[in-house]
Amino acid sequence: MIVGWTLLAALGVATLAAVLIGYLVALVGVLDRLGGQPTSLLARIRMGVRAIEVETGHLPLHVERLNAGAAALRHELQAVAAALAAAAHAVGGRR
């Protein structure tokens, strides 16, 4: 009796291992199609991300210049707003 249960358990373990191996082989096939070849989906995505990185690599320098210009413009516009407020107050307008 115990030999029968042992053989049945071994058969169950072997079946489980075979099913897991089958699923792993199928998964490897899917992953290989996704990213294992130079023309795969992931390779094309990587190439596109790299192209975006190269094309936008010069932006940080320009953004710093734009931020400096925007800060200077803000300062000047605040001065204009103060001058207009003073002019409106001088002619008796409301603030």
PDB file of N, CA and C in Angstrom:
ATOM      1  N   MET A   1       0.810  -1.189   0.000  1.00  0.00           N
ATOM      2  CA  MET A   1       0.000   0.000   0.000  1.00  0.00           C
ATOM      3  C   MET A   1       0.861   1.264   0.000  1.00  0.00           C
ATOM      4  N   ILE A   2       1.885   1.288   0.865  1.00  0.00           N
ATOM      5  CA  ILE A   2       2.731   2.468   0.935  1.00  0.00           C
ATOM      6  C   ILE A   2       3.529   2.655  -0.348  1.00  0.00           C
ATOM      7  N   VAL A   3       3.871   1.544  -1.001  1.00  0.00           N
ATOM      8  CA  VAL A   3       4.608   1.640  -2.270  1.00  0.00           C
ATOM      9  C   VAL A   3       3.711   2.268  -3.326  1.00  0.00           C
ATOM     10  N   GLY A   4       2.426   1.939  -3.309  1.00  0.00           N
ATOM     11  CA  GLY A   4       1.479   2.519  -4.268  1.00  0.00           C
ATOM     12  C   GLY A   4       1.338   4.021  -4.085  1.00  0.00           C
ATOM     13  N   TRP A   5       1.217   4.461  -2.823  1.00  0.00           N
ATOM     14  CA  TRP A   5       1.110   5.897  -2.544  1.00  0.00           C
ATOM     15  C   TRP A   5       2.405   6.619  -2.915  1.00  0.00           C
ATOM     16  N   THR A   6       3.515   5.992  -2.671  1.00  0.00           N
ATOM     17  CA  THR A   6       4.807   6.592  -3.021  1.00  0.00           C
ATOM     18  C   THR A   6       4.934   6.755  -4.532  1.00  0.00           C
ATOM     19  N   LEU A   7       4.534   5.720  -5.264  1.00  0.00           N
ATOM     20  CA  LEU A   7       4.581   5.808  -6.724  1.00  0.00           C
ATOM     21  C   LEU A   7       3.606   6.868  -7.248  1.00  0.00           C
ATOM     22  N   LEU A   8       2.427   6.948  -6.628  1.00  0.00           N
ATOM     23  CA  LEU A   8       1.443   7.959  -7.039  1.00  0.00           C
ATOM     24  C   LEU A   8       1.970   9.362  -6.759  1.00  0.00           C
ATOM     25  N   ALA A   9       2.617   9.572  -5.604  1.00  0.00           N
ATOM     26  CA  ALA A   9       3.196  10.878  -5.273  1.00  0.00           C
ATOM     27  C   ALA A   9       4.326  11.225  -6.239  1.00  0.00           C
ATOM     28  N   ALA A  10       5.157  10.252  -6.556  1.00  0.00           N
ATOM     29  CA  ALA A  10       6.253  10.481  -7.496  1.00  0.00           C
ATOM     30  C   ALA A  10       5.712  10.828  -8.874  1.00  0.00           C
ATOM     31  N   LEU A  11       4.640  10.151  -9.284  1.00  0.00           N
ATOM     32  CA  LEU A  11       4.014  10.453 -10.568  1.00  0.00           C
ATOM     33  C   LEU A  11       3.431  11.869 -10.562  1.00  0.00           C
ATOM     34  N   GLY A  12       2.838  12.268  -9.440  1.00  0.00           N
ATOM     35  CA  GLY A  12       2.311  13.634  -9.316  1.00  0.00           C
ATOM     36  C   GLY A  12       3.408  14.678  -9.398  1.00  0.00           C
ATOM     37  N   VAL A  13       4.513  14.421  -8.705  1.00  0.00           N
ATOM     38  CA  VAL A  13       5.645  15.356  -8.739  1.00  0.00           C
ATOM     39  C   VAL A  13       6.222  15.429 -10.149  1.00  0.00           C
ATOM     40  N   ALA A  14       6.346  14.288 -10.811  1.00  0.00           N
ATOM     41  CA  ALA A  14       6.880  14.273 -12.176  1.00  0.00           C
ATOM     42  C   ALA A  14       5.941  15.009 -13.125  1.00  0.00           C
ATOM     43  N   THR A  15       4.640  14.844 -12.964  1.00  0.00           N
ATOM     44  CA  THR A  15       3.665  15.549 -13.801  1.00  0.00           C
ATOM     45  C   THR A  15       3.752  17.051 -13.569  1.00  0.00           C
ATOM     46  N   LEU A  16       3.817  17.444 -12.307  1.00  0.00           N
ATOM     47  CA  LEU A  16       3.939  18.865 -11.980  1.00  0.00           C
ATOM     48  C   LEU A  16       5.216  19.455 -12.574  1.00  0.00           C
ATOM     49  N   ALA A  17       6.323  18.739 -12.451  1.00  0.00           N
ATOM     50  CA  ALA A  17       7.587  19.211 -13.013  1.00  0.00           C
ATOM     51  C   ALA A  17       7.498  19.326 -14.530  1.00  0.00           C
ATOM     52  N   ALA A  18       6.860  18.369 -15.182  1.00  0.00           N
ATOM     53  CA  ALA A  18       6.722  18.422 -16.642  1.00  0.00           C
ATOM     54  C   ALA A  18       5.881  19.615 -17.072  1.00  0.00           C
ATOM     55  N   VAL A  19       4.795  19.871 -16.345  1.00  0.00           N
ATOM     56  CA  VAL A  19       3.939  21.026 -16.676  1.00  0.00           C
ATOM     57  C   VAL A  19       4.703  22.329 -16.468  1.00  0.00           C
ATOM     58  N   LEU A  20       5.426  22.437 -15.353  1.00  0.00           N
ATOM     59  CA  LEU A  20       6.210  23.650 -15.104  1.00  0.00           C
ATOM     60  C   LEU A  20       7.283  23.856 -16.161  1.00  0.00           C
ATOM     61  N   ILE A  21       7.947  22.800 -16.546  1.00  0.00           N
ATOM     62  CA  ILE A  21       8.963  22.907 -17.596  1.00  0.00           C
ATOM     63  C   ILE A  21       8.326  23.340 -18.911  1.00  0.00           C
ATOM     64  N   GLY A  22       7.161  22.805 -19.225  1.00  0.00           N
ATOM     65  CA  GLY A  22       6.460  23.208 -20.447  1.00  0.00           C
ATOM     66  C   GLY A  22       6.118  24.690 -20.440  1.00  0.00           C
ATOM     67  N   TYR A  23       5.590  25.185 -19.294  1.00  0.00           N
ATOM     68  CA  TYR A  23       5.262  26.605 -19.209  1.00  0.00           C
ATOM     69  C   TYR A  23       6.517  27.477 -19.269  1.00  0.00           C
ATOM     70  N   LEU A  24       7.595  27.038 -18.645  1.00  0.00           N
ATOM     71  CA  LEU A  24       8.839  27.814 -18.696  1.00  0.00           C
ATOM     72  C   LEU A  24       9.405  27.878 -20.106  1.00  0.00           C
ATOM     73  N   VAL A  25       9.324  26.781 -20.835  1.00  0.00           N
ATOM     74  CA  VAL A  25       9.791  26.782 -22.227  1.00  0.00           C
ATOM     75  C   VAL A  25       8.938  27.740 -23.060  1.00  0.00           C
ATOM     76  N   ALA A  26       7.624  27.721 -22.842  1.00  0.00           N
ATOM     77  CA  ALA A  26       6.740  28.641 -23.565  1.00  0.00           C
ATOM     78  C   ALA A  26       7.043  30.087 -23.191  1.00  0.00           C
ATOM     79  N   LEU A  27       7.304  30.347 -21.916  1.00  0.00           N
ATOM     80  CA  LEU A  27       7.622  31.699 -21.463  1.00  0.00           C
ATOM     81  C   LEU A  27       8.930  32.189 -22.062  1.00  0.00           C
ATOM     82  N   VAL A  28       9.924  31.331 -22.113  1.00  0.00           N
ATOM     83  CA  VAL A  28      11.203  31.700 -22.723  1.00  0.00           C
ATOM     84  C   VAL A  28      11.000  32.042 -24.195  1.00  0.00           C
ATOM     85  N   GLY A  29      10.148  31.293 -24.876  1.00  0.00           N
ATOM     86  CA  GLY A  29       9.859  31.594 -26.283  1.00  0.00           C
ATOM     87  C   GLY A  29       9.233  32.968 -26.450  1.00  0.00           C
ATOM     88  N   VAL A  30       8.276  33.301 -25.585  1.00  0.00           N
ATOM     89  CA  VAL A  30       7.632  34.620 -25.660  1.00  0.00           C
ATOM     90  C   VAL A  30       8.636  35.723 -25.345  1.00  0.00           C
ATOM     91  N   LEU A  31       9.429  35.540 -24.297  1.00  0.00           N
ATOM     92  CA  LEU A  31      10.427  36.555 -23.939  1.00  0.00           C
ATOM     93  C   LEU A  31      11.487  36.718 -25.018  1.00  0.00           C
ATOM     94  N   ASP A  32      11.831  35.625 -25.667  1.00  0.00           N
ATOM     95  CA  ASP A  32      12.806  35.703 -26.755  1.00  0.00           C
ATOM     96  C   ASP A  32      12.244  36.512 -27.919  1.00  0.00           C
ATOM     97  N   ARG A  33      10.967  36.329 -28.226  1.00  0.00           N
ATOM     98  CA  ARG A  33      10.351  37.114 -29.297  1.00  0.00           C
ATOM     99  C   ARG A  33      10.258  38.588 -28.911  1.00  0.00           C
ATOM    100  N   LEU A  34      10.062  38.871 -27.629  1.00  0.00           N
ATOM    101  CA  LEU A  34       9.947  40.250 -27.188  1.00  0.00           C
ATOM    102  C   LEU A  34      11.285  40.979 -27.170  1.00  0.00           C
ATOM    103  N   GLY A  35      12.328  40.324 -26.670  1.00  0.00           N
ATOM    104  CA  GLY A  35      13.550  41.074 -26.487  1.00  0.00           C
ATOM    105  C   GLY A  35      14.834  40.364 -26.814  1.00  0.00           C
ATOM    106  N   GLY A  36      14.796  39.219 -27.417  1.00  0.00           N
ATOM    107  CA  GLY A  36      16.007  38.457 -27.626  1.00  0.00           C
ATOM    108  C   GLY A  36      16.710  38.701 -28.936  1.00  0.00           C
ATOM    109  N   GLN A  37      16.111  39.471 -29.831  1.00  0.00           N
ATOM    110  CA  GLN A  37      16.698  39.665 -31.150  1.00  0.00           C
ATOM    111  C   GLN A  37      16.839  41.160 -31.438  1.00  0.00           C
ATOM    112  N   PRO A  38      17.733  41.541 -32.341  1.00  0.00           N
ATOM    113  CA  PRO A  38      17.913  42.973 -32.634  1.00  0.00           C
ATOM    114  C   PRO A  38      16.673  43.630 -33.228  1.00  0.00           C
ATOM    115  N   THR A  39      15.775  42.865 -33.814  1.00  0.00           N
ATOM    116  CA  THR A  39      14.560  43.443 -34.402  1.00  0.00           C
ATOM    117  C   THR A  39      13.356  43.236 -33.501  1.00  0.00           C
ATOM    118  N   SER A  40      13.585  42.845 -32.262  1.00  0.00           N
ATOM    119  CA  SER A  40      12.478  42.566 -31.356  1.00  0.00           C
ATOM    120  C   SER A  40      11.820  43.861 -30.890  1.00  0.00           C
ATOM    121  N   LEU A  41      10.688  43.713 -30.242  1.00  0.00           N
ATOM    122  CA  LEU A  41       9.931  44.858 -29.749  1.00  0.00           C
ATOM    123  C   LEU A  41      10.746  45.675 -28.754  1.00  0.00           C
ATOM    124  N   LEU A  42      11.363  45.015 -27.803  1.00  0.00           N
ATOM    125  CA  LEU A  42      12.152  45.736 -26.802  1.00  0.00           C
ATOM    126  C   LEU A  42      13.370  46.412 -27.413  1.00  0.00           C
ATOM    127  N   ALA A  43      13.965  45.792 -28.396  1.00  0.00           N
ATOM    128  CA  ALA A  43      15.116  46.416 -29.056  1.00  0.00           C
ATOM    129  C   ALA A  43      14.685  47.683 -29.790  1.00  0.00           C
ATOM    130  N   ARG A  44      13.519  47.635 -30.418  1.00  0.00           N
ATOM    131  CA  ARG A  44      13.025  48.833 -31.108  1.00  0.00           C
ATOM    132  C   ARG A  44      12.661  49.927 -30.114  1.00  0.00           C
ATOM    133  N   ILE A  45      12.077  49.548 -28.979  1.00  0.00           N
ATOM    134  CA  ILE A  45      11.758  50.544 -27.951  1.00  0.00           C
ATOM    135  C   ILE A  45      13.029  51.175 -27.415  1.00  0.00           C
ATOM    136  N   ARG A  46      14.059  50.341 -27.142  1.00  0.00           N
ATOM    137  CA  ARG A  46      15.333  50.855 -26.652  1.00  0.00           C
ATOM    138  C   ARG A  46      15.952  51.828 -27.650  1.00  0.00           C
ATOM    139  N   MET A  47      15.876  51.491 -28.928  1.00  0.00           N
ATOM    140  CA  MET A  47      16.431  52.358 -29.953  1.00  0.00           C
ATOM    141  C   MET A  47      15.658  53.687 -30.008  1.00  0.00           C
ATOM    142  N   GLY A  48      14.348  53.634 -29.855  1.00  0.00           N
ATOM    143  CA  GLY A  48      13.556  54.854 -29.858  1.00  0.00           C
ATOM    144  C   GLY A  48      13.846  55.734 -28.653  1.00  0.00           C
ATOM    145  N   VAL A  49      13.985  55.116 -27.487  1.00  0.00           N
ATOM    146  CA  VAL A  49      14.310  55.882 -26.283  1.00  0.00           C
ATOM    147  C   VAL A  49      15.681  56.521 -26.415  1.00  0.00           C
ATOM    148  N   ARG A  50      16.620  55.793 -26.978  1.00  0.00           N
ATOM    149  CA  ARG A  50      17.967  56.342 -27.191  1.00  0.00           C
ATOM    150  C   ARG A  50      17.925  57.520 -28.171  1.00  0.00           C
ATOM    151  N   ALA A  51      17.113  57.400 -29.218  1.00  0.00           N
ATOM    152  CA  ALA A  51      16.992  58.502 -30.180  1.00  0.00           C
ATOM    153  C   ALA A  51      16.399  59.737 -29.506  1.00  0.00           C
ATOM    154  N   ILE A  52      15.406  59.535 -28.646  1.00  0.00           N
ATOM    155  CA  ILE A  52      14.820  60.670 -27.921  1.00  0.00           C
ATOM    156  C   ILE A  52      15.861  61.298 -27.004  1.00  0.00           C
ATOM    157  N   GLU A  53      16.647  60.461 -26.345  1.00  0.00           N
ATOM    158  CA  GLU A  53      17.682  60.968 -25.451  1.00  0.00           C
ATOM    159  C   GLU A  53      18.707  61.802 -26.218  1.00  0.00           C
ATOM    160  N   VAL A  54      19.110  61.344 -27.394  1.00  0.00           N
ATOM    161  CA  VAL A  54      20.088  62.070 -28.197  1.00  0.00           C
ATOM    162  C   VAL A  54      19.485  63.383 -28.708  1.00  0.00           C
ATOM    163  N   GLU A  55      18.247  63.311 -29.181  1.00  0.00           N
ATOM    164  CA  GLU A  55      17.620  64.501 -29.760  1.00  0.00           C
ATOM    165  C   GLU A  55      17.320  65.577 -28.719  1.00  0.00           C
ATOM    166  N   THR A  56      17.077  65.177 -27.475  1.00  0.00           N
ATOM    167  CA  THR A  56      16.740  66.145 -26.437  1.00  0.00           C
ATOM    168  C   THR A  56      17.909  66.423 -25.501  1.00  0.00           C
ATOM    169  N   GLY A  57      19.073  65.914 -25.798  1.00  0.00           N
ATOM    170  CA  GLY A  57      20.232  66.097 -24.931  1.00  0.00           C
ATOM    171  C   GLY A  57      20.684  67.541 -24.808  1.00  0.00           C
ATOM    172  N   HIS A  58      20.395  68.366 -25.779  1.00  0.00           N
ATOM    173  CA  HIS A  58      20.836  69.761 -25.746  1.00  0.00           C
ATOM    174  C   HIS A  58      19.868  70.663 -24.989  1.00  0.00           C
ATOM    175  N   LEU A  59      18.715  70.154 -24.593  1.00  0.00           N
ATOM    176  CA  LEU A  59      17.701  70.984 -23.949  1.00  0.00           C
ATOM    177  C   LEU A  59      18.082  71.532 -22.574  1.00  0.00           C
ATOM    178  N   PRO A  60      18.800  70.804 -21.717  1.00  0.00           N
ATOM    179  CA  PRO A  60      19.097  71.368 -20.396  1.00  0.00           C
ATOM    180  C   PRO A  60      19.807  72.714 -20.451  1.00  0.00           C
ATOM    181  N   LEU A  61      20.751  72.896 -21.354  1.00  0.00           N
ATOM    182  CA  LEU A  61      21.437  74.174 -21.471  1.00  0.00           C
ATOM    183  C   LEU A  61      20.446  75.274 -21.846  1.00  0.00           C
ATOM    184  N   HIS A  62      19.581  74.989 -22.812  1.00  0.00           N
ATOM    185  CA  HIS A  62      18.610  75.991 -23.250  1.00  0.00           C
ATOM    186  C   HIS A  62      17.566  76.265 -22.182  1.00  0.00           C
ATOM    187  N   VAL A  63      17.184  75.251 -21.422  1.00  0.00           N
ATOM    188  CA  VAL A  63      16.195  75.450 -20.358  1.00  0.00           C
ATOM    189  C   VAL A  63      16.763  76.358 -19.278  1.00  0.00           C
ATOM    190  N   GLU A  64      18.035  76.190 -18.960  1.00  0.00           N
ATOM    191  CA  GLU A  64      18.656  77.067 -17.969  1.00  0.00           C
ATOM    192  C   GLU A  64      18.660  78.507 -18.459  1.00  0.00           C
ATOM    193  N   ARG A  65      18.949  78.695 -19.724  1.00  0.00           N
ATOM    194  CA  ARG A  65      18.929  80.058 -20.286  1.00  0.00           C
ATOM    195  C   ARG A  65      17.515  80.612 -20.288  1.00  0.00           C
ATOM    196  N   LEU A  66      16.544  79.778 -20.646  1.00  0.00           N
ATOM    197  CA  LEU A  66      15.152  80.226 -20.638  1.00  0.00           C
ATOM    198  C   LEU A  66      14.686  80.585 -19.229  1.00  0.00           C
ATOM    199  N   ASN A  67      15.079  79.792 -18.247  1.00  0.00           N
ATOM    200  CA  ASN A  67      14.704  80.090 -16.865  1.00  0.00           C
ATOM    201  C   ASN A  67      15.310  81.408 -16.405  1.00  0.00           C
ATOM    202  N   ALA A  68      16.558  81.660 -16.774  1.00  0.00           N
ATOM    203  CA  ALA A  68      17.194  82.928 -16.410  1.00  0.00           C
ATOM    204  C   ALA A  68      16.473  84.094 -17.076  1.00  0.00           C
ATOM    205  N   GLY A  69      16.122  83.925 -18.349  1.00  0.00           N
ATOM    206  CA  GLY A  69      15.385  84.989 -19.043  1.00  0.00           C
ATOM    207  C   GLY A  69      13.996  85.200 -18.456  1.00  0.00           C
ATOM    208  N   ALA A  70      13.328  84.110 -18.084  1.00  0.00           N
ATOM    209  CA  ALA A  70      11.998  84.235 -17.484  1.00  0.00           C
ATOM    210  C   ALA A  70      12.076  84.915 -16.126  1.00  0.00           C
ATOM    211  N   ALA A  71      13.115  84.635 -15.360  1.00  0.00           N
ATOM    212  CA  ALA A  71      13.283  85.292 -14.060  1.00  0.00           C
ATOM    213  C   ALA A  71      13.517  86.789 -14.247  1.00  0.00           C
ATOM    214  N   ALA A  72      14.334  87.155 -15.218  1.00  0.00           N
ATOM    215  CA  ALA A  72      14.581  88.570 -15.489  1.00  0.00           C
ATOM    216  C   ALA A  72      13.304  89.252 -15.974  1.00  0.00           C
ATOM    217  N   LEU A  73      12.552  88.585 -16.826  1.00  0.00           N
ATOM    218  CA  LEU A  73      11.293  89.139 -17.321  1.00  0.00           C
ATOM    219  C   LEU A  73      10.299  89.320 -16.183  1.00  0.00           C
ATOM    220  N   ARG A  74      10.248  88.354 -15.271  1.00  0.00           N
ATOM    221  CA  ARG A  74       9.354  88.468 -14.121  1.00  0.00           C
ATOM    222  C   ARG A  74       9.708  89.689 -13.284  1.00  0.00           C
ATOM    223  N   HIS A  75      11.004  89.887 -13.065  1.00  0.00           N
ATOM    224  CA  HIS A  75      11.454  91.046 -12.292  1.00  0.00           C
ATOM    225  C   HIS A  75      11.040  92.345 -12.982  1.00  0.00           C
ATOM    226  N   GLU A  76      11.240  92.414 -14.283  1.00  0.00           N
ATOM    227  CA  GLU A  76      10.876  93.630 -15.027  1.00  0.00           C
ATOM    228  C   GLU A  76       9.356  93.846 -15.030  1.00  0.00           C
ATOM    229  N   LEU A  77       8.590  92.774 -15.179  1.00  0.00           N
ATOM    230  CA  LEU A  77       7.131  92.908 -15.172  1.00  0.00           C
ATOM    231  C   LEU A  77       6.610  93.327 -13.800  1.00  0.00           C
ATOM    232  N   GLN A  78       7.279  92.899 -12.750  1.00  0.00           N
ATOM    233  CA  GLN A  78       6.889  93.359 -11.417  1.00  0.00           C
ATOM    234  C   GLN A  78       7.150  94.857 -11.274  1.00  0.00           C
ATOM    235  N   ALA A  79       8.245  95.316 -11.858  1.00  0.00           N
ATOM    236  CA  ALA A  79       8.538  96.756 -11.832  1.00  0.00           C
ATOM    237  C   ALA A  79       7.489  97.526 -12.633  1.00  0.00           C
ATOM    238  N   VAL A  80       7.086  96.998 -13.782  1.00  0.00           N
ATOM    239  CA  VAL A  80       6.045  97.637 -14.595  1.00  0.00           C
ATOM    240  C   VAL A  80       4.730  97.653 -13.825  1.00  0.00           C
ATOM    241  N   ALA A  81       4.398  96.559 -13.156  1.00  0.00           N
ATOM    242  CA  ALA A  81       3.156  96.495 -12.380  1.00  0.00           C
ATOM    243  C   ALA A  81       3.175  97.511 -11.249  1.00  0.00           C
ATOM    244  N   ALA A  82       4.317  97.668 -10.594  1.00  0.00           N
ATOM    245  CA  ALA A  82       4.425  98.652  -9.519  1.00  0.00           C
ATOM    246  C   ALA A  82       4.274 100.068 -10.072  1.00  0.00           C
ATOM    247  N   ALA A  83       4.892 100.322 -11.240  1.00  0.00           N
ATOM    248  CA  ALA A  83       4.778 101.653 -11.854  1.00  0.00           C
ATOM    249  C   ALA A  83       3.339 101.928 -12.278  1.00  0.00           C
ATOM    250  N   LEU A  84       2.657 100.965 -12.822  1.00  0.00           N
ATOM    251  CA  LEU A  84       1.257 101.153 -13.214  1.00  0.00           C
ATOM    252  C   LEU A  84       0.360 101.349 -12.001  1.00  0.00           C
ATOM    253  N   ALA A  85       0.639 100.644 -10.925  1.00  0.00           N
ATOM    254  CA  ALA A  85      -0.135 100.828  -9.702  1.00  0.00           C
ATOM    255  C   ALA A  85       0.076 102.222  -9.145  1.00  0.00           C
ATOM    256  N   ALA A  86       1.312 102.689  -9.174  1.00  0.00           N
ATOM    257  CA  ALA A  86       1.601 104.043  -8.703  1.00  0.00           C
ATOM    258  C   ALA A  86       0.917 105.080  -9.578  1.00  0.00           C
ATOM    259  N   ALA A  87       0.918 104.873 -10.892  1.00  0.00           N
ATOM    260  CA  ALA A  87       0.246 105.798 -11.809  1.00  0.00           C
ATOM    261  C   ALA A  87      -1.258 105.798 -11.578  1.00  0.00           C
ATOM    262  N   ALA A  88      -1.828 104.619 -11.364  1.00  0.00           N
ATOM    263  CA  ALA A  88      -3.270 104.544 -11.106  1.00  0.00           C
ATOM    264  C   ALA A  88      -3.620 105.226  -9.796  1.00  0.00           C
ATOM    265  N   HIS A  89      -2.762 105.059  -8.807  1.00  0.00           N
ATOM    266  CA  HIS A  89      -3.011 105.722  -7.520  1.00  0.00           C
ATOM    267  C   HIS A  89      -2.878 107.238  -7.662  1.00  0.00           C
ATOM    268  N   ALA A  90      -1.922 107.688  -8.493  1.00  0.00           N
ATOM    269  CA  ALA A  90      -1.695 109.122  -8.679  1.00  0.00           C
ATOM    270  C   ALA A  90      -2.876 109.789  -9.372  1.00  0.00           C
ATOM    271  N   VAL A  91      -3.558 109.093 -10.258  1.00  0.00           N
ATOM    272  CA  VAL A  91      -4.692 109.706 -10.957  1.00  0.00           C
ATOM    273  C   VAL A  91      -5.999 109.439 -10.228  1.00  0.00           C
ATOM    274  N   GLY A  92      -5.901 108.801  -9.070  1.00  0.00           N
ATOM    275  CA  GLY A  92      -7.084 108.609  -8.252  1.00  0.00           C
ATOM    276  C   GLY A  92      -7.847 107.334  -8.514  1.00  0.00           C
ATOM    277  N   GLY A  93      -7.275 106.427  -9.214  1.00  0.00           N
ATOM    278  CA  GLY A  93      -7.942 105.148  -9.486  1.00  0.00           C
ATOM    279  C   GLY A  93      -7.869 104.213  -8.288  1.00  0.00           C
ATOM    280  N   ARG A  94      -8.607 103.141  -8.392  1.00  0.00           N
ATOM    281  CA  ARG A  94      -8.579 102.138  -7.319  1.00  0.00           C
ATOM    282  C   ARG A  94      -7.450 101.152  -7.561  1.00  0.00           C
ATOM    283  N   ARG A  95      -7.003 100.604  -6.513  1.00  0.00           N
ATOM    284  CA  ARG A  95      -5.961  99.589  -6.590  1.00  0.00           C
ATOM    285  C   ARG A  95      -6.533  98.236  -6.628  1.00  0.00           C
TER     286      ARG A  95
END
